[in-house]
Amino acid sequence: MRRRTKKKNDRRIVIDRYRCAYCGACISVCKYNANELVETFLSINEDECNTCMTCIRVCPMKALSLEVKK
């Protein structure tokens, strides 16, 4: 039986702005350069993001999560 794989546009990284400390840990590990600090806010470029979830794993504040659209 084959498992259905999610397409890139079925998933996205979500930022919890109340938890985010804007430390830049997620920016330094993103190999797609999808994360950036804009003024004092973290921004994720969904066109560049490959949803590899590396940023989620390194966030010390657990401010990032994966949202899967049904």
N, C-alpha and C. Protein backbone atom coordinates (compact mmCIF):
# COMPACT_ATOMS: atom_id res chain seq x y z
N MET A 1 0.85 -1.18 0.00
CA MET A 1 0.00 0.00 0.00
C MET A 1 0.89 1.24 0.00
N ARG A 2 0.60 2.16 -0.86
CA ARG A 2 1.39 3.40 -0.96
C ARG A 2 0.81 4.47 -0.06
N ARG A 3 1.70 5.20 0.59
CA ARG A 3 1.25 6.31 1.43
C ARG A 3 1.18 7.56 0.57
N ARG A 4 0.16 8.32 0.78
CA ARG A 4 0.02 9.58 0.05
C ARG A 4 0.97 10.60 0.65
N THR A 5 1.81 11.17 -0.17
CA THR A 5 2.72 12.21 0.32
C THR A 5 2.06 13.56 0.16
N LYS A 6 2.32 14.41 1.11
CA LYS A 6 1.74 15.75 1.08
C LYS A 6 2.50 16.61 0.09
N LYS A 7 1.80 17.36 -0.69
CA LYS A 7 2.42 18.33 -1.58
C LYS A 7 2.90 19.50 -0.76
N LYS A 8 3.85 20.24 -1.31
CA LYS A 8 4.41 21.39 -0.60
C LYS A 8 3.33 22.39 -0.19
N ASN A 9 2.35 22.62 -1.03
CA ASN A 9 1.33 23.62 -0.72
C ASN A 9 0.28 23.09 0.26
N ASP A 10 0.39 21.83 0.67
CA ASP A 10 -0.50 21.28 1.69
C ASP A 10 0.02 21.56 3.10
N ARG A 11 1.28 22.02 3.20
CA ARG A 11 1.90 22.24 4.50
C ARG A 11 2.53 23.63 4.54
N ARG A 12 2.58 24.19 5.75
CA ARG A 12 3.27 25.46 5.92
C ARG A 12 3.71 25.60 7.37
N ILE A 13 4.75 26.39 7.55
CA ILE A 13 5.28 26.67 8.88
C ILE A 13 4.53 27.88 9.44
N VAL A 14 4.07 27.74 10.68
CA VAL A 14 3.30 28.80 11.34
C VAL A 14 4.11 29.35 12.52
N ILE A 15 4.09 30.65 12.67
CA ILE A 15 4.83 31.33 13.74
C ILE A 15 3.87 31.73 14.86
N ASP A 16 4.19 31.35 16.10
CA ASP A 16 3.46 31.82 17.27
C ASP A 16 4.18 33.08 17.74
N ARG A 17 3.65 34.23 17.42
CA ARG A 17 4.32 35.50 17.71
C ARG A 17 4.45 35.79 19.20
N TYR A 18 3.62 35.15 20.02
CA TYR A 18 3.72 35.34 21.46
C TYR A 18 4.91 34.58 22.05
N ARG A 19 5.30 33.48 21.42
CA ARG A 19 6.42 32.69 21.89
C ARG A 19 7.76 33.09 21.27
N CYS A 20 7.73 33.61 20.05
CA CYS A 20 8.95 33.90 19.31
C CYS A 20 9.77 34.99 20.02
N ALA A 21 11.05 34.69 20.25
CA ALA A 21 11.95 35.64 20.90
C ALA A 21 12.81 36.38 19.86
N TYR A 22 12.59 36.09 18.58
CA TYR A 22 13.32 36.73 17.49
C TYR A 22 14.83 36.57 17.66
N CYS A 23 15.23 35.37 18.05
CA CYS A 23 16.65 35.10 18.32
C CYS A 23 17.44 34.81 17.04
N GLY A 24 16.76 34.42 15.98
CA GLY A 24 17.43 34.16 14.72
C GLY A 24 17.92 32.74 14.52
N ALA A 25 17.65 31.85 15.46
CA ALA A 25 18.11 30.46 15.33
C ALA A 25 17.53 29.82 14.06
N CYS A 26 16.29 30.07 13.77
CA CYS A 26 15.64 29.48 12.59
C CYS A 26 16.20 30.06 11.29
N ILE A 27 16.62 31.30 11.35
CA ILE A 27 17.17 31.95 10.16
C ILE A 27 18.53 31.36 9.81
N SER A 28 19.34 31.10 10.82
CA SER A 28 20.69 30.61 10.57
C SER A 28 20.72 29.18 10.03
N VAL A 29 19.69 28.39 10.27
CA VAL A 29 19.69 26.99 9.80
C VAL A 29 18.91 26.78 8.51
N CYS A 30 18.19 27.76 8.05
CA CYS A 30 17.35 27.59 6.85
C CYS A 30 18.22 27.56 5.60
N LYS A 31 18.30 26.39 4.96
CA LYS A 31 19.13 26.27 3.76
C LYS A 31 18.43 26.79 2.52
N TYR A 32 17.16 27.15 2.64
CA TYR A 32 16.41 27.72 1.52
C TYR A 32 16.29 29.24 1.62
N ASN A 33 16.85 29.83 2.67
CA ASN A 33 16.78 31.28 2.91
C ASN A 33 15.35 31.79 2.89
N ALA A 34 14.47 31.03 3.51
CA ALA A 34 13.05 31.40 3.53
C ALA A 34 12.68 32.24 4.75
N ASN A 35 13.51 32.18 5.79
CA ASN A 35 13.21 32.92 7.02
C ASN A 35 14.03 34.19 7.08
N GLU A 36 13.39 35.26 7.54
CA GLU A 36 14.11 36.51 7.72
C GLU A 36 13.43 37.36 8.78
N LEU A 37 14.22 38.22 9.40
CA LEU A 37 13.67 39.18 10.34
C LEU A 37 13.37 40.46 9.58
N VAL A 38 12.13 40.87 9.63
CA VAL A 38 11.70 42.12 8.99
C VAL A 38 11.32 43.06 10.13
N GLU A 39 12.15 44.08 10.30
CA GLU A 39 12.05 44.98 11.45
C GLU A 39 12.17 44.13 12.72
N THR A 40 11.11 43.95 13.47
CA THR A 40 11.19 43.12 14.68
C THR A 40 10.32 41.87 14.58
N PHE A 41 9.97 41.46 13.38
CA PHE A 41 9.10 40.30 13.20
C PHE A 41 9.75 39.25 12.32
N LEU A 42 9.56 38.00 12.66
CA LEU A 42 10.02 36.89 11.83
C LEU A 42 9.05 36.73 10.67
N SER A 43 9.58 36.52 9.50
CA SER A 43 8.77 36.33 8.30
C SER A 43 9.26 35.07 7.59
N ILE A 44 8.32 34.25 7.13
CA ILE A 44 8.66 33.05 6.37
C ILE A 44 8.09 33.20 4.97
N ASN A 45 8.96 33.18 4.00
CA ASN A 45 8.56 33.27 2.60
C ASN A 45 8.08 31.89 2.16
N GLU A 46 6.78 31.72 1.99
CA GLU A 46 6.21 30.41 1.67
C GLU A 46 6.62 29.92 0.28
N ASP A 47 6.98 30.84 -0.62
CA ASP A 47 7.43 30.42 -1.94
C ASP A 47 8.81 29.78 -1.88
N GLU A 48 9.64 30.22 -0.94
CA GLU A 48 10.99 29.69 -0.78
C GLU A 48 11.04 28.49 0.18
N CYS A 49 10.12 28.44 1.13
CA CYS A 49 10.13 27.40 2.16
C CYS A 49 9.81 26.03 1.57
N ASN A 50 10.62 25.05 1.94
CA ASN A 50 10.43 23.67 1.48
C ASN A 50 9.79 22.81 2.56
N THR A 51 9.39 23.41 3.66
CA THR A 51 8.82 22.74 4.83
C THR A 51 9.65 21.55 5.28
N CYS A 52 10.97 21.73 5.33
CA CYS A 52 11.86 20.67 5.80
C CYS A 52 11.82 20.52 7.31
N MET A 53 11.30 21.51 7.99
CA MET A 53 11.08 21.54 9.44
C MET A 53 12.35 21.69 10.27
N THR A 54 13.46 22.03 9.66
CA THR A 54 14.69 22.26 10.41
C THR A 54 14.50 23.42 11.38
N CYS A 55 13.84 24.46 10.94
CA CYS A 55 13.61 25.63 11.81
C CYS A 55 12.76 25.27 13.03
N ILE A 56 11.81 24.38 12.85
CA ILE A 56 10.96 23.94 13.97
C ILE A 56 11.81 23.23 15.02
N ARG A 57 12.72 22.37 14.57
CA ARG A 57 13.54 21.59 15.48
C ARG A 57 14.53 22.45 16.28
N VAL A 58 15.02 23.54 15.69
CA VAL A 58 16.03 24.34 16.40
C VAL A 58 15.46 25.48 17.22
N CYS A 59 14.20 25.79 17.08
CA CYS A 59 13.61 26.92 17.81
C CYS A 59 13.59 26.64 19.31
N PRO A 60 14.34 27.43 20.10
CA PRO A 60 14.40 27.19 21.54
C PRO A 60 13.10 27.55 22.25
N MET A 61 12.28 28.37 21.63
CA MET A 61 11.03 28.81 22.25
C MET A 61 9.82 27.99 21.79
N LYS A 62 10.04 27.05 20.88
CA LYS A 62 8.96 26.23 20.31
C LYS A 62 7.86 27.12 19.72
N ALA A 63 8.31 28.16 19.01
CA ALA A 63 7.39 29.13 18.44
C ALA A 63 6.94 28.77 17.03
N LEU A 64 7.56 27.77 16.44
CA LEU A 64 7.21 27.37 15.07
C LEU A 64 6.54 26.01 15.08
N SER A 65 5.56 25.86 14.21
CA SER A 65 4.87 24.58 14.11
C SER A 65 4.47 24.35 12.66
N LEU A 66 4.15 23.10 12.36
CA LEU A 66 3.75 22.73 11.01
C LEU A 66 2.23 22.66 10.95
N GLU A 67 1.68 23.36 9.97
CA GLU A 67 0.23 23.31 9.75
C GLU A 67 -0.01 22.49 8.48
N VAL A 68 -0.86 21.48 8.59
CA VAL A 68 -1.18 20.63 7.45
C VAL A 68 -2.62 20.89 7.04
N LYS A 69 -2.80 21.31 5.82
CA LYS A 69 -4.15 21.56 5.31
C LYS A 69 -4.77 20.24 4.89
N LYS A 70 -6.03 20.09 5.16
CA LYS A 70 -6.73 18.84 4.80
C LYS A 70 -7.41 18.96 3.48
